[in-house]
Every structure is written in C-alpha cells, then in structure tokens.
C-alpha cells in the first residue's frame, strides 16, 4: 500500500530534491529513522542523568557526572538558535527540559562539593 502526499518545500530544497525524485520515499524513510534515533539518544541521556540522581550517588560520583558530547552539542545548538529566536515550540520545550535538568545537576553538585570539602 502507498499513499500520495503533497509537501511544500523552499525553492532551494526543491532544486536539490529534483535530482532524487525517484528516491524520495527512501530519503523520507532515512530522515525519519535519523530523527527517531536522535530522539532516543536524547531520551537516553536524560534518563541516565535522572537515574544517577535517583540512585543517591556518592559526592564523588555526583561531581564526576558529565553530559555526553552529543547532549552538550545539542544544548549548545538549541541555545544559539534560541538567542536568534529560531526555535520551534517543540525545541523550546526540549531546551527547557535540558535547562531544568542542568539546574538540578548543578544544585546536586554544589551539595556534593560541600560534602567533599567539609565532611560532616
């Protein structure tokens, strides 16, 4: 079964797509697969951080907690685009989640640091 769809794209993109007209279904499928994979990676990073926070880590473990390079890159990209006013609503929510998570991690690290330098 197949379904016909109509998509409006900018002229510059249309020029590029014309040369791949017979492969458009494959291009769409690959793009969707990449988006799903990207989303799963993002969820994975968030989930790992949440699991560490919930596991009551030692102060040393908490201080060692670092986001993946991919997550750092994504957040940097979203922040830069946010400053330009170029985020979709979904991206705004995504950035807000990251900033909230970062705030929680910073607070937990500050608490862990206090425990390391001035143990009770």
C-alpha atoms as a PDB file:
ATOM      1  CA  UNK A   1       0.000   0.000   0.000  1.00  0.00           C
ATOM      2  CA  UNK A   2       1.217   3.507  -0.693  1.00  0.00           C
ATOM      3  CA  UNK A   3      -0.163   6.953  -0.028  1.00  0.00           C
ATOM      4  CA  UNK A   4       0.348  10.084  -2.094  1.00  0.00           C
ATOM      5  CA  UNK A   5       1.378  13.153  -0.104  1.00  0.00           C
ATOM      6  CA  UNK A   6       2.000  16.749  -1.069  1.00  0.00           C
ATOM      7  CA  UNK A   7       4.746  18.684   0.675  1.00  0.00           C
ATOM      8  CA  UNK A   8       5.651  22.321   0.220  1.00  0.00           C
ATOM      9  CA  UNK A   9       9.382  22.962   0.434  1.00  0.00           C
ATOM     10  CA  UNK A  10      11.538  26.041  -0.111  1.00  0.00           C
ATOM     11  CA  UNK A  11      12.729  26.572  -3.686  1.00  0.00           C
ATOM     12  CA  UNK A  12      16.360  25.826  -2.820  1.00  0.00           C
ATOM     13  CA  UNK A  13      15.414  22.463  -1.340  1.00  0.00           C
ATOM     14  CA  UNK A  14      13.169  21.675  -4.305  1.00  0.00           C
ATOM     15  CA  UNK A  15      16.139  22.089  -6.638  1.00  0.00           C
ATOM     16  CA  UNK A  16      18.103  19.509  -4.637  1.00  0.00           C
ATOM     17  CA  UNK A  17      15.171  17.121  -4.385  1.00  0.00           C
ATOM     18  CA  UNK A  18      14.505  17.153  -8.125  1.00  0.00           C
ATOM     19  CA  UNK A  19      17.666  15.176  -8.766  1.00  0.00           C
ATOM     20  CA  UNK A  20      16.490  12.477  -6.338  1.00  0.00           C
ATOM     21  CA  UNK A  21      12.823  12.394  -7.350  1.00  0.00           C
ATOM     22  CA  UNK A  22      12.691   8.629  -7.753  1.00  0.00           C
ATOM     23  CA  UNK A  23      14.317   8.128  -4.342  1.00  0.00           C
ATOM     24  CA  UNK A  24      12.113  10.468  -2.277  1.00  0.00           C
ATOM     25  CA  UNK A  25      10.437   7.654  -0.300  1.00  0.00           C
ATOM     26  CA  UNK A  26      13.881   6.327   0.689  1.00  0.00           C
ATOM     27  CA  UNK A  27      15.059   9.828   1.637  1.00  0.00           C
ATOM     28  CA  UNK A  28      11.994  10.375   3.814  1.00  0.00           C
ATOM     29  CA  UNK A  29      12.426   6.991   5.466  1.00  0.00           C
ATOM     30  CA  UNK A  30      16.091   7.666   6.245  1.00  0.00           C
ATOM     31  CA  UNK A  31      15.276  11.107   7.602  1.00  0.00           C
ATOM     32  CA  UNK A  32      12.557   9.741   9.855  1.00  0.00           C
ATOM     33  CA  UNK A  33      14.840   6.976  11.084  1.00  0.00           C
ATOM     34  CA  UNK A  34      17.532   9.561  11.923  1.00  0.00           C
ATOM     35  CA  UNK A  35      15.003  11.706  13.794  1.00  0.00           C
ATOM     36  CA  UNK A  36      13.771   8.738  15.818  1.00  0.00           C
ATOM     37  CA  UNK A  37      17.340   7.692  16.611  1.00  0.00           C
ATOM     38  CA  UNK A  38      18.220  11.259  17.613  1.00  0.00           C
ATOM     39  CA  UNK A  39      15.190  11.393  19.903  1.00  0.00           C
ATOM     40  CA  UNK A  40      16.070   8.038  21.506  1.00  0.00           C
ATOM     41  CA  UNK A  41      19.637   9.220  22.119  1.00  0.00           C
ATOM     42  CA  UNK A  42      18.325  12.376  23.762  1.00  0.00           C
ATOM     43  CA  UNK A  43      15.921  10.438  25.940  1.00  0.00           C
ATOM     44  CA  UNK A  44      18.749   8.061  26.833  1.00  0.00           C
ATOM     45  CA  UNK A  45      20.999  10.899  28.045  1.00  0.00           C
ATOM     46  CA  UNK A  46      18.208  12.418  30.110  1.00  0.00           C
ATOM     47  CA  UNK A  47      17.293   9.026  31.540  1.00  0.00           C
ATOM     48  CA  UNK A  48      20.897   8.256  32.531  1.00  0.00           C
ATOM     49  CA  UNK A  49      21.226  11.560  34.371  1.00  0.00           C
ATOM     50  CA  UNK A  50      17.898  11.072  36.146  1.00  0.00           C
ATOM     51  CA  UNK A  51      18.866   7.516  37.136  1.00  0.00           C
ATOM     52  CA  UNK A  52      22.168   8.745  38.592  1.00  0.00           C
ATOM     53  CA  UNK A  53      20.400  11.466  40.575  1.00  0.00           C
ATOM     54  CA  UNK A  54      17.826   8.978  41.864  1.00  0.00           C
ATOM     55  CA  UNK A  55      20.455   6.415  42.862  1.00  0.00           C
ATOM     56  CA  UNK A  56      21.765   8.574  45.714  1.00  0.00           C
ATOM     57  CA  UNK A  57      25.309   8.708  44.325  1.00  0.00           C
ATOM     58  CA  UNK A  58      28.321   9.412  46.471  1.00  0.00           C
ATOM     59  CA  UNK A  59      29.575  13.006  46.359  1.00  0.00           C
ATOM     60  CA  UNK A  60      32.462  11.871  44.170  1.00  0.00           C
ATOM     61  CA  UNK A  61      30.109  10.144  41.734  1.00  0.00           C
ATOM     62  CA  UNK A  62      27.911  13.231  41.605  1.00  0.00           C
ATOM     63  CA  UNK A  63      30.859  15.521  40.906  1.00  0.00           C
ATOM     64  CA  UNK A  64      32.011  13.204  38.108  1.00  0.00           C
ATOM     65  CA  UNK A  65      28.633  13.298  36.334  1.00  0.00           C
ATOM     66  CA  UNK A  66      29.010  14.807  32.865  1.00  0.00           C
ATOM     67  CA  UNK A  67      26.645  15.025  29.882  1.00  0.00           C
ATOM     68  CA  UNK A  68      27.610  13.213  26.710  1.00  0.00           C
ATOM     69  CA  UNK A  69      29.296  15.193  23.957  1.00  0.00           C
ATOM     70  CA  UNK A  70      26.162  14.712  21.853  1.00  0.00           C
ATOM     71  CA  UNK A  71      23.961  16.230  24.560  1.00  0.00           C
ATOM     72  CA  UNK A  72      26.361  19.150  25.049  1.00  0.00           C
ATOM     73  CA  UNK A  73      26.332  19.799  21.301  1.00  0.00           C
ATOM     74  CA  UNK A  74      22.532  19.622  21.127  1.00  0.00           C
ATOM     75  CA  UNK A  75      22.060  22.029  24.036  1.00  0.00           C
ATOM     76  CA  UNK A  76      24.623  24.459  22.600  1.00  0.00           C
ATOM     77  CA  UNK A  77      22.839  24.389  19.260  1.00  0.00           C
ATOM     78  CA  UNK A  78      19.441  24.965  20.852  1.00  0.00           C
ATOM     79  CA  UNK A  79      20.803  27.839  22.973  1.00  0.00           C
ATOM     80  CA  UNK A  80      22.376  29.536  19.960  1.00  0.00           C
ATOM     81  CA  UNK A  81      19.219  29.180  17.906  1.00  0.00           C
ATOM     82  CA  UNK A  82      17.115  30.360  20.843  1.00  0.00           C
ATOM     83  CA  UNK A  83      19.099  33.595  21.008  1.00  0.00           C
ATOM     84  CA  UNK A  84      18.260  34.113  17.336  1.00  0.00           C
ATOM     85  CA  UNK A  85      14.574  33.396  18.024  1.00  0.00           C
ATOM     86  CA  UNK A  86      14.715  30.420  15.683  1.00  0.00           C
ATOM     87  CA  UNK A  87      13.253  27.546  17.783  1.00  0.00           C
ATOM     88  CA  UNK A  88      10.070  25.628  17.154  1.00  0.00           C
ATOM     89  CA  UNK A  89       7.681  25.085  20.082  1.00  0.00           C
ATOM     90  CA  UNK A  90       8.946  21.507  20.404  1.00  0.00           C
ATOM     91  CA  UNK A  91      12.550  22.703  20.527  1.00  0.00           C
ATOM     92  CA  UNK A  92      11.657  25.347  23.124  1.00  0.00           C
ATOM     93  CA  UNK A  93      10.197  22.611  25.347  1.00  0.00           C
ATOM     94  CA  UNK A  94      13.234  20.415  24.729  1.00  0.00           C
ATOM     95  CA  UNK A  95      15.594  23.241  25.719  1.00  0.00           C
ATOM     96  CA  UNK A  96      13.530  23.984  28.820  1.00  0.00           C
ATOM     97  CA  UNK A  97      13.804  20.310  29.881  1.00  0.00           C
ATOM     98  CA  UNK A  98      17.579  20.414  29.448  1.00  0.00           C
ATOM     99  CA  UNK A  99      17.909  23.655  31.390  1.00  0.00           C
ATOM    100  CA  UNK A 100      15.781  22.291  34.234  1.00  0.00           C
ATOM    101  CA  UNK A 101      17.840  19.110  34.335  1.00  0.00           C
ATOM    102  CA  UNK A 102      21.068  21.117  34.265  1.00  0.00           C
ATOM    103  CA  UNK A 103      19.826  23.236  37.181  1.00  0.00           C
ATOM    104  CA  UNK A 104      19.082  20.116  39.238  1.00  0.00           C
ATOM    105  CA  UNK A 105      22.503  18.644  38.451  1.00  0.00           C
ATOM    106  CA  UNK A 106      24.240  21.902  39.402  1.00  0.00           C
ATOM    107  CA  UNK A 107      22.388  22.008  42.716  1.00  0.00           C
ATOM    108  CA  UNK A 108      23.276  18.376  43.410  1.00  0.00           C
ATOM    109  CA  UNK A 109      26.912  19.023  42.509  1.00  0.00           C
ATOM    110  CA  UNK A 110      27.055  22.068  44.791  1.00  0.00           C
ATOM    111  CA  UNK A 111      25.719  19.927  47.636  1.00  0.00           C
ATOM    112  CA  UNK A 112      28.206  17.148  46.815  1.00  0.00           C
ATOM    113  CA  UNK A 113      31.065  19.638  46.711  1.00  0.00           C
ATOM    114  CA  UNK A 114      30.150  20.906  50.182  1.00  0.00           C
ATOM    115  CA  UNK A 115      30.237  17.320  51.447  1.00  0.00           C
ATOM    116  CA  UNK A 116      33.668  16.730  49.947  1.00  0.00           C
ATOM    117  CA  UNK A 117      35.341  19.917  51.236  1.00  0.00           C
ATOM    118  CA  UNK A 118      33.622  19.988  54.623  1.00  0.00           C
ATOM    119  CA  UNK A 119      32.521  16.466  55.575  1.00  0.00           C
ATOM    120  CA  UNK A 120      30.075  16.261  58.443  1.00  0.00           C
END
